[in-house]
Amino acid sequence: MSRPYFYIIKHILHQKYYAGCKINSKADSSNLMTEKGYQTTSKVIRDLIQKDGLSSFAIIRIKHFETPEQALSYETRFLAKVNAAENTMFYNRHNGGRNFVNKGGYKLSESTKQKMRKPKAKETIEKQNQEKRTRSKETHAKRIASRRKNNRLWNSMEMREKKRLHNAIYWTDENRKIHSEKMKEVHELNPIREETRQKLRQRSKGPNNNMFGKTHSESAREKMKLAWVKRKQRNILE
């Protein structure tokens, strides 16, 4: 029977209901909830069908109407009566109405059909693509500007002073020892393969080395000497 109809189905496993209507001109209630038939437009119900199968649903009621408007009106009155949107016994997430159903059965005007058939002009497509590229470039430029700003803030004199004070307070002898033990443990659990070591050696060898052809200044050498003396004293105390 090809007429608009209202229906109620029941999910047997959870003992919950779903109510809706099929209102297009080819609506046939005989194929409701069948393998190749109508299985509602609800994503919740489709997910349950995929999970539990069609056999987990039972058709409770079907009511036919002469026009789509009658079926829509009946559905809205029924859902409002049971307050399906807030009723825990129903899967419906709203109380119906024209804005929530497939508006099948309503004919499109000829002008609308012509607009839908007419392909977009090549100029229009190119314009849309150009707008997308422009938006992409603008987004990339903003991201780069934000990154540069953050880098400037991070490397500012104020931030450097804060980091210096933090390191002076945090890196006590006890924390250094704890950190050293953690690093030893990490290296023991994740040893570097000899093949990787060879690759690293080749990568930093000769011209690839940052210090290739360069020498440290006298002040830098003095600093390294003092650091080495401090490190040796710390190892002796430990």
C-alpha atoms as a PDB file:
ATOM      1  CA  MET A   1       0.000   0.000   0.000  1.00  0.00           C
ATOM      2  CA  SER A   2       1.777   3.137  -1.234  1.00  0.00           C
ATOM      3  CA  ARG A   3       0.434   5.844   1.041  1.00  0.00           C
ATOM      4  CA  PRO A   4       2.011   8.100   3.692  1.00  0.00           C
ATOM      5  CA  TYR A   5       2.035   6.377   7.046  1.00  0.00           C
ATOM      6  CA  PHE A   6       2.938   6.767  10.714  1.00  0.00           C
ATOM      7  CA  TYR A   7       4.736   3.954  12.499  1.00  0.00           C
ATOM      8  CA  ILE A   8       6.027   2.843  15.909  1.00  0.00           C
ATOM      9  CA  ILE A   9       8.818   0.291  16.224  1.00  0.00           C
ATOM     10  CA  LYS A  10      10.225  -1.360  19.348  1.00  0.00           C
ATOM     11  CA  HIS A  11      13.798  -2.319  20.141  1.00  0.00           C
ATOM     12  CA  ILE A  12      13.254  -5.653  21.837  1.00  0.00           C
ATOM     13  CA  LEU A  13      16.611  -5.822  23.639  1.00  0.00           C
ATOM     14  CA  HIS A  14      16.249  -2.462  25.396  1.00  0.00           C
ATOM     15  CA  GLN A  15      12.430  -2.323  25.429  1.00  0.00           C
ATOM     16  CA  LYS A  16      12.437   1.166  23.923  1.00  0.00           C
ATOM     17  CA  TYR A  17      10.390   2.704  21.105  1.00  0.00           C
ATOM     18  CA  TYR A  18      10.873   4.919  18.090  1.00  0.00           C
ATOM     19  CA  ALA A  19       8.024   6.731  16.311  1.00  0.00           C
ATOM     20  CA  GLY A  20       8.163   8.366  12.908  1.00  0.00           C
ATOM     21  CA  CYS A  21       6.439   8.771   9.582  1.00  0.00           C
ATOM     22  CA  LYS A  22       7.166   8.075   5.932  1.00  0.00           C
ATOM     23  CA  ILE A  23       5.528  10.748   3.801  1.00  0.00           C
ATOM     24  CA  ASN A  24       6.811  10.605   0.229  1.00  0.00           C
ATOM     25  CA  SER A  25       4.581   9.580  -2.652  1.00  0.00           C
ATOM     26  CA  LYS A  26       6.166   6.108  -2.930  1.00  0.00           C
ATOM     27  CA  ALA A  27       5.853   5.234   0.751  1.00  0.00           C
ATOM     28  CA  ASP A  28       5.092   1.527   1.108  1.00  0.00           C
ATOM     29  CA  SER A  29       4.515   0.219   4.621  1.00  0.00           C
ATOM     30  CA  SER A  30       5.006  -3.404   3.508  1.00  0.00           C
ATOM     31  CA  ASN A  31       8.815  -2.964   3.300  1.00  0.00           C
ATOM     32  CA  LEU A  32       9.198  -1.131   6.624  1.00  0.00           C
ATOM     33  CA  MET A  33      12.184  -2.482   8.621  1.00  0.00           C
ATOM     34  CA  THR A  34      13.154  -4.978   5.933  1.00  0.00           C
ATOM     35  CA  GLU A  35      16.593  -5.660   4.468  1.00  0.00           C
ATOM     36  CA  LYS A  36      15.989  -3.671   1.279  1.00  0.00           C
ATOM     37  CA  GLY A  37      13.194  -1.481   2.596  1.00  0.00           C
ATOM     38  CA  TYR A  38      12.803   1.634   4.708  1.00  0.00           C
ATOM     39  CA  GLN A  39      14.721   1.535   8.012  1.00  0.00           C
ATOM     40  CA  THR A  40      13.981   5.066   9.348  1.00  0.00           C
ATOM     41  CA  THR A  41      16.182   8.160   8.983  1.00  0.00           C
ATOM     42  CA  SER A  42      17.357   8.038  12.617  1.00  0.00           C
ATOM     43  CA  LYS A  43      21.122   7.562  13.043  1.00  0.00           C
ATOM     44  CA  VAL A  44      20.480   6.019  16.474  1.00  0.00           C
ATOM     45  CA  ILE A  45      18.230   3.347  14.979  1.00  0.00           C
ATOM     46  CA  ARG A  46      20.611   2.675  12.072  1.00  0.00           C
ATOM     47  CA  ASP A  47      23.475   2.166  14.520  1.00  0.00           C
ATOM     48  CA  LEU A  48      21.342  -0.258  16.564  1.00  0.00           C
ATOM     49  CA  ILE A  49      20.389  -2.164  13.396  1.00  0.00           C
ATOM     50  CA  GLN A  50      24.050  -2.474  12.469  1.00  0.00           C
ATOM     51  CA  LYS A  51      24.887  -3.647  15.989  1.00  0.00           C
ATOM     52  CA  ASP A  52      21.942  -5.921  16.852  1.00  0.00           C
ATOM     53  CA  GLY A  53      20.363  -6.639  13.447  1.00  0.00           C
ATOM     54  CA  LEU A  54      16.884  -5.988  12.042  1.00  0.00           C
ATOM     55  CA  SER A  55      15.490  -8.935  13.987  1.00  0.00           C
ATOM     56  CA  SER A  56      16.009  -6.963  17.204  1.00  0.00           C
ATOM     57  CA  PHE A  57      13.162  -4.607  16.139  1.00  0.00           C
ATOM     58  CA  ALA A  58       9.427  -5.260  16.080  1.00  0.00           C
ATOM     59  CA  ILE A  59       6.776  -3.157  14.302  1.00  0.00           C
ATOM     60  CA  ILE A  60       4.188  -2.131  16.904  1.00  0.00           C
ATOM     61  CA  ARG A  61       1.886   0.071  14.864  1.00  0.00           C
ATOM     62  CA  ILE A  62       1.303   1.416  11.327  1.00  0.00           C
ATOM     63  CA  LYS A  63      -1.341   4.030  10.508  1.00  0.00           C
ATOM     64  CA  HIS A  64      -1.961   5.174   6.910  1.00  0.00           C
ATOM     65  CA  PHE A  65      -3.009   8.632   5.730  1.00  0.00           C
ATOM     66  CA  GLU A  66      -4.187  10.196   2.504  1.00  0.00           C
ATOM     67  CA  THR A  67      -1.726  13.099   2.462  1.00  0.00           C
ATOM     68  CA  PRO A  68       1.789  13.773   3.819  1.00  0.00           C
ATOM     69  CA  GLU A  69       0.440  16.703   5.837  1.00  0.00           C
ATOM     70  CA  GLN A  70      -1.930  14.402   7.731  1.00  0.00           C
ATOM     71  CA  ALA A  71       0.879  11.965   8.567  1.00  0.00           C
ATOM     72  CA  LEU A  72       3.154  14.792   9.699  1.00  0.00           C
ATOM     73  CA  SER A  73       0.452  16.332  11.839  1.00  0.00           C
ATOM     74  CA  TYR A  74      -0.368  13.006  13.502  1.00  0.00           C
ATOM     75  CA  GLU A  75       3.316  12.306  14.214  1.00  0.00           C
ATOM     76  CA  THR A  76       3.787  15.730  15.803  1.00  0.00           C
ATOM     77  CA  ARG A  77       0.693  15.326  18.003  1.00  0.00           C
ATOM     78  CA  PHE A  78       1.756  11.828  19.101  1.00  0.00           C
ATOM     79  CA  LEU A  79       5.354  12.788  19.952  1.00  0.00           C
ATOM     80  CA  ALA A  80       4.183  15.864  21.833  1.00  0.00           C
ATOM     81  CA  LYS A  81       1.654  13.765  23.756  1.00  0.00           C
ATOM     82  CA  VAL A  82       4.267  11.260  24.967  1.00  0.00           C
ATOM     83  CA  ASN A  83       6.959  14.015  25.135  1.00  0.00           C
ATOM     84  CA  ALA A  84       9.339  11.749  23.221  1.00  0.00           C
ATOM     85  CA  ALA A  85      12.217  14.256  23.413  1.00  0.00           C
ATOM     86  CA  GLU A  86      12.459  13.740  27.190  1.00  0.00           C
ATOM     87  CA  ASN A  87      10.801  10.329  27.509  1.00  0.00           C
ATOM     88  CA  THR A  88      13.358   7.640  28.396  1.00  0.00           C
ATOM     89  CA  MET A  89      11.158   5.017  26.716  1.00  0.00           C
ATOM     90  CA  PHE A  90      11.687   6.610  23.282  1.00  0.00           C
ATOM     91  CA  TYR A  91      14.753   6.957  21.064  1.00  0.00           C
ATOM     92  CA  ASN A  92      13.337  10.126  19.477  1.00  0.00           C
ATOM     93  CA  ARG A  93      15.371  13.214  20.295  1.00  0.00           C
ATOM     94  CA  HIS A  94      12.648  15.715  19.353  1.00  0.00           C
ATOM     95  CA  ASN A  95       8.889  16.029  19.216  1.00  0.00           C
ATOM     96  CA  GLY A  96       8.569  16.100  15.440  1.00  0.00           C
ATOM     97  CA  GLY A  97       7.504  18.836  13.054  1.00  0.00           C
ATOM     98  CA  ARG A  98       8.483  19.846   9.528  1.00  0.00           C
ATOM     99  CA  ASN A  99      12.034  20.823  10.505  1.00  0.00           C
ATOM    100  CA  PHE A 100      12.909  17.339  11.735  1.00  0.00           C
ATOM    101  CA  VAL A 101      11.681  15.001   8.984  1.00  0.00           C
ATOM    102  CA  ASN A 102      12.551  14.187   5.427  1.00  0.00           C
ATOM    103  CA  LYS A 103      10.244  16.402   3.396  1.00  0.00           C
ATOM    104  CA  GLY A 104       9.545  13.721   0.817  1.00  0.00           C
ATOM    105  CA  GLY A 105       6.281  14.114  -1.057  1.00  0.00           C
ATOM    106  CA  TYR A 106       6.740  17.855  -1.665  1.00  0.00           C
ATOM    107  CA  LYS A 107       7.366  18.733  -5.318  1.00  0.00           C
ATOM    108  CA  LEU A 108      10.197  21.061  -6.261  1.00  0.00           C
ATOM    109  CA  SER A 109       9.482  23.953  -8.562  1.00  0.00           C
ATOM    110  CA  GLU A 110      10.830  23.825 -12.127  1.00  0.00           C
ATOM    111  CA  SER A 111      13.176  26.758 -11.477  1.00  0.00           C
ATOM    112  CA  THR A 112      14.680  24.929  -8.484  1.00  0.00           C
ATOM    113  CA  LYS A 113      15.123  21.769 -10.546  1.00  0.00           C
ATOM    114  CA  GLN A 114      16.892  23.744 -13.297  1.00  0.00           C
ATOM    115  CA  LYS A 115      19.257  25.295 -10.738  1.00  0.00           C
ATOM    116  CA  MET A 116      20.081  21.837  -9.359  1.00  0.00           C
ATOM    117  CA  ARG A 117      20.707  20.427 -12.858  1.00  0.00           C
ATOM    118  CA  LYS A 118      22.840  23.336 -14.043  1.00  0.00           C
ATOM    119  CA  PRO A 119      26.558  22.596 -13.497  1.00  0.00           C
ATOM    120  CA  LYS A 120      28.716  25.248 -11.933  1.00  0.00           C
ATOM    121  CA  ALA A 121      30.607  27.414 -14.377  1.00  0.00           C
ATOM    122  CA  LYS A 122      34.352  26.911 -14.668  1.00  0.00           C
ATOM    123  CA  GLU A 123      34.916  30.502 -13.560  1.00  0.00           C
ATOM    124  CA  THR A 124      32.840  29.905 -10.418  1.00  0.00           C
ATOM    125  CA  ILE A 125      34.816  26.763  -9.513  1.00  0.00           C
ATOM    126  CA  GLU A 126      38.127  28.554 -10.089  1.00  0.00           C
ATOM    127  CA  LYS A 127      36.931  31.486  -7.960  1.00  0.00           C
ATOM    128  CA  GLN A 128      35.987  29.124  -5.116  1.00  0.00           C
ATOM    129  CA  ASN A 129      39.364  27.364  -5.363  1.00  0.00           C
ATOM    130  CA  GLN A 130      41.158  30.720  -5.322  1.00  0.00           C
ATOM    131  CA  GLU A 131      39.217  31.747  -2.197  1.00  0.00           C
ATOM    132  CA  LYS A 132      40.210  28.481  -0.520  1.00  0.00           C
ATOM    133  CA  ARG A 133      43.865  29.031  -1.406  1.00  0.00           C
ATOM    134  CA  THR A 134      43.704  32.601  -0.098  1.00  0.00           C
ATOM    135  CA  ARG A 135      42.139  31.455   3.181  1.00  0.00           C
ATOM    136  CA  SER A 136      44.788  28.753   3.484  1.00  0.00           C
ATOM    137  CA  LYS A 137      47.601  31.272   2.929  1.00  0.00           C
ATOM    138  CA  GLU A 138      46.087  33.674   5.461  1.00  0.00           C
ATOM    139  CA  THR A 139      45.748  30.901   8.029  1.00  0.00           C
ATOM    140  CA  HIS A 140      49.357  29.813   7.437  1.00  0.00           C
ATOM    141  CA  ALA A 141      50.585  33.426   7.727  1.00  0.00           C
ATOM    142  CA  LYS A 142      48.726  33.875  11.024  1.00  0.00           C
ATOM    143  CA  ARG A 143      50.195  30.637  12.361  1.00  0.00           C
ATOM    144  CA  ILE A 144      53.727  31.702  11.416  1.00  0.00           C
ATOM    145  CA  ALA A 145      53.227  35.172  12.929  1.00  0.00           C
ATOM    146  CA  SER A 146      51.951  33.639  16.167  1.00  0.00           C
ATOM    147  CA  ARG A 147      54.922  31.253  16.299  1.00  0.00           C
ATOM    148  CA  ARG A 148      57.398  34.086  15.753  1.00  0.00           C
ATOM    149  CA  LYS A 149      55.734  36.162  18.441  1.00  0.00           C
ATOM    150  CA  ASN A 150      55.964  33.270  20.910  1.00  0.00           C
ATOM    151  CA  ASN A 151      59.626  32.747  20.006  1.00  0.00           C
ATOM    152  CA  ARG A 152      60.374  36.424  20.581  1.00  0.00           C
ATOM    153  CA  LEU A 153      58.660  36.292  23.966  1.00  0.00           C
ATOM    154  CA  TRP A 154      60.439  33.056  24.899  1.00  0.00           C
ATOM    155  CA  ASN A 155      63.851  34.462  23.983  1.00  0.00           C
ATOM    156  CA  SER A 156      63.307  37.935  25.424  1.00  0.00           C
ATOM    157  CA  MET A 157      65.668  39.260  28.118  1.00  0.00           C
ATOM    158  CA  GLU A 158      62.929  39.025  30.734  1.00  0.00           C
ATOM    159  CA  MET A 159      62.176  35.387  29.930  1.00  0.00           C
ATOM    160  CA  ARG A 160      65.888  34.519  29.842  1.00  0.00           C
ATOM    161  CA  GLU A 161      66.305  35.996  33.306  1.00  0.00           C
ATOM    162  CA  LYS A 162      63.321  34.005  34.591  1.00  0.00           C
ATOM    163  CA  LYS A 163      64.770  30.774  33.153  1.00  0.00           C
ATOM    164  CA  ARG A 164      68.186  31.568  34.631  1.00  0.00           C
ATOM    165  CA  LEU A 165      66.675  32.124  38.101  1.00  0.00           C
ATOM    166  CA  HIS A 166      64.574  28.978  37.782  1.00  0.00           C
ATOM    167  CA  ASN A 167      67.598  26.868  36.831  1.00  0.00           C
ATOM    168  CA  ALA A 168      69.672  28.365  39.647  1.00  0.00           C
ATOM    169  CA  ILE A 169      66.995  27.344  42.172  1.00  0.00           C
ATOM    170  CA  TYR A 170      65.951  24.002  40.675  1.00  0.00           C
ATOM    171  CA  TRP A 171      69.265  22.421  39.715  1.00  0.00           C
ATOM    172  CA  THR A 172      70.527  21.581  43.170  1.00  0.00           C
ATOM    173  CA  ASP A 173      73.010  18.732  43.702  1.00  0.00           C
ATOM    174  CA  GLU A 174      70.165  16.454  44.760  1.00  0.00           C
ATOM    175  CA  ASN A 175      68.061  17.181  41.656  1.00  0.00           C
ATOM    176  CA  ARG A 176      71.088  16.752  39.397  1.00  0.00           C
ATOM    177  CA  LYS A 177      71.732  13.329  40.916  1.00  0.00           C
ATOM    178  CA  ILE A 178      68.073  12.276  40.510  1.00  0.00           C
ATOM    179  CA  HIS A 179      68.044  13.453  36.903  1.00  0.00           C
ATOM    180  CA  SER A 180      71.319  11.668  36.167  1.00  0.00           C
ATOM    181  CA  GLU A 181      69.982   8.385  37.558  1.00  0.00           C
ATOM    182  CA  LYS A 182      66.816   8.694  35.444  1.00  0.00           C
ATOM    183  CA  MET A 183      68.840   9.328  32.295  1.00  0.00           C
ATOM    184  CA  LYS A 184      71.057   6.312  33.007  1.00  0.00           C
ATOM    185  CA  GLU A 185      67.981   4.141  33.435  1.00  0.00           C
ATOM    186  CA  VAL A 186      66.498   5.413  30.153  1.00  0.00           C
ATOM    187  CA  HIS A 187      69.718   4.689  28.243  1.00  0.00           C
ATOM    188  CA  GLU A 188      69.974   1.204  29.757  1.00  0.00           C
ATOM    189  CA  LEU A 189      66.400   0.383  28.744  1.00  0.00           C
ATOM    190  CA  ASN A 190      66.826   1.919  25.272  1.00  0.00           C
ATOM    191  CA  PRO A 191      70.402   1.254  24.135  1.00  0.00           C
ATOM    192  CA  ILE A 192      71.572   2.848  20.891  1.00  0.00           C
ATOM    193  CA  ARG A 193      72.410   0.297  18.199  1.00  0.00           C
ATOM    194  CA  GLU A 194      75.904   0.279  16.718  1.00  0.00           C
ATOM    195  CA  GLU A 195      74.441   0.903  13.276  1.00  0.00           C
ATOM    196  CA  THR A 196      72.779   4.070  14.580  1.00  0.00           C
ATOM    197  CA  ARG A 197      76.009   5.160  16.246  1.00  0.00           C
ATOM    198  CA  GLN A 198      77.856   4.860  12.926  1.00  0.00           C
ATOM    199  CA  LYS A 199      75.202   6.940  11.161  1.00  0.00           C
ATOM    200  CA  LEU A 200      75.460   9.644  13.832  1.00  0.00           C
ATOM    201  CA  ARG A 201      79.245   9.658  13.524  1.00  0.00           C
ATOM    202  CA  GLN A 202      79.099  10.078   9.753  1.00  0.00           C
ATOM    203  CA  ARG A 203      76.477  12.794  10.068  1.00  0.00           C
ATOM    204  CA  SER A 204      78.660  14.932  12.350  1.00  0.00           C
ATOM    205  CA  LYS A 205      81.952  14.176  10.668  1.00  0.00           C
ATOM    206  CA  GLY A 206      84.102  16.667   8.716  1.00  0.00           C
ATOM    207  CA  PRO A 207      82.212  19.548   7.058  1.00  0.00           C
ATOM    208  CA  ASN A 208      78.949  18.298   8.583  1.00  0.00           C
ATOM    209  CA  ASN A 209      80.224  19.223  12.036  1.00  0.00           C
ATOM    210  CA  ASN A 210      79.166  22.655  13.297  1.00  0.00           C
ATOM    211  CA  MET A 211      82.696  23.320  14.584  1.00  0.00           C
ATOM    212  CA  PHE A 212      84.463  22.237  11.372  1.00  0.00           C
ATOM    213  CA  GLY A 213      87.252  24.749  10.651  1.00  0.00           C
ATOM    214  CA  LYS A 214      86.457  26.769  13.758  1.00  0.00           C
ATOM    215  CA  THR A 215      88.127  27.216  17.164  1.00  0.00           C
ATOM    216  CA  HIS A 216      86.757  28.130  20.556  1.00  0.00           C
ATOM    217  CA  SER A 217      87.582  31.543  21.934  1.00  0.00           C
ATOM    218  CA  GLU A 218      89.768  31.870  25.047  1.00  0.00           C
ATOM    219  CA  SER A 219      86.762  32.910  27.181  1.00  0.00           C
ATOM    220  CA  ALA A 220      84.810  29.845  26.002  1.00  0.00           C
ATOM    221  CA  ARG A 221      87.750  27.582  26.855  1.00  0.00           C
ATOM    222  CA  GLU A 222      88.000  29.061  30.348  1.00  0.00           C
ATOM    223  CA  LYS A 223      84.282  28.468  30.917  1.00  0.00           C
ATOM    224  CA  MET A 224      84.574  24.839  29.776  1.00  0.00           C
ATOM    225  CA  LYS A 225      87.582  24.319  32.074  1.00  0.00           C
ATOM    226  CA  LEU A 226      85.684  25.682  35.080  1.00  0.00           C
ATOM    227  CA  ALA A 227      82.648  23.537  34.231  1.00  0.00           C
ATOM    228  CA  TRP A 228      84.852  20.441  33.999  1.00  0.00           C
ATOM    229  CA  VAL A 229      86.490  21.192  37.361  1.00  0.00           C
ATOM    230  CA  LYS A 230      83.057  21.592  39.002  1.00  0.00           C
ATOM    231  CA  ARG A 231      81.867  18.329  37.445  1.00  0.00           C
ATOM    232  CA  LYS A 232      84.935  16.448  38.725  1.00  0.00           C
ATOM    233  CA  GLN A 233      84.469  17.881  42.251  1.00  0.00           C
ATOM    234  CA  ARG A 234      80.798  16.848  42.233  1.00  0.00           C
ATOM    235  CA  ASN A 235      81.704  13.299  41.143  1.00  0.00           C
ATOM    236  CA  ILE A 236      84.293  13.072  43.957  1.00  0.00           C
ATOM    237  CA  LEU A 237      81.733  14.216  46.568  1.00  0.00           C
ATOM    238  CA  GLU A 238      79.192  11.666  45.323  1.00  0.00           C
END
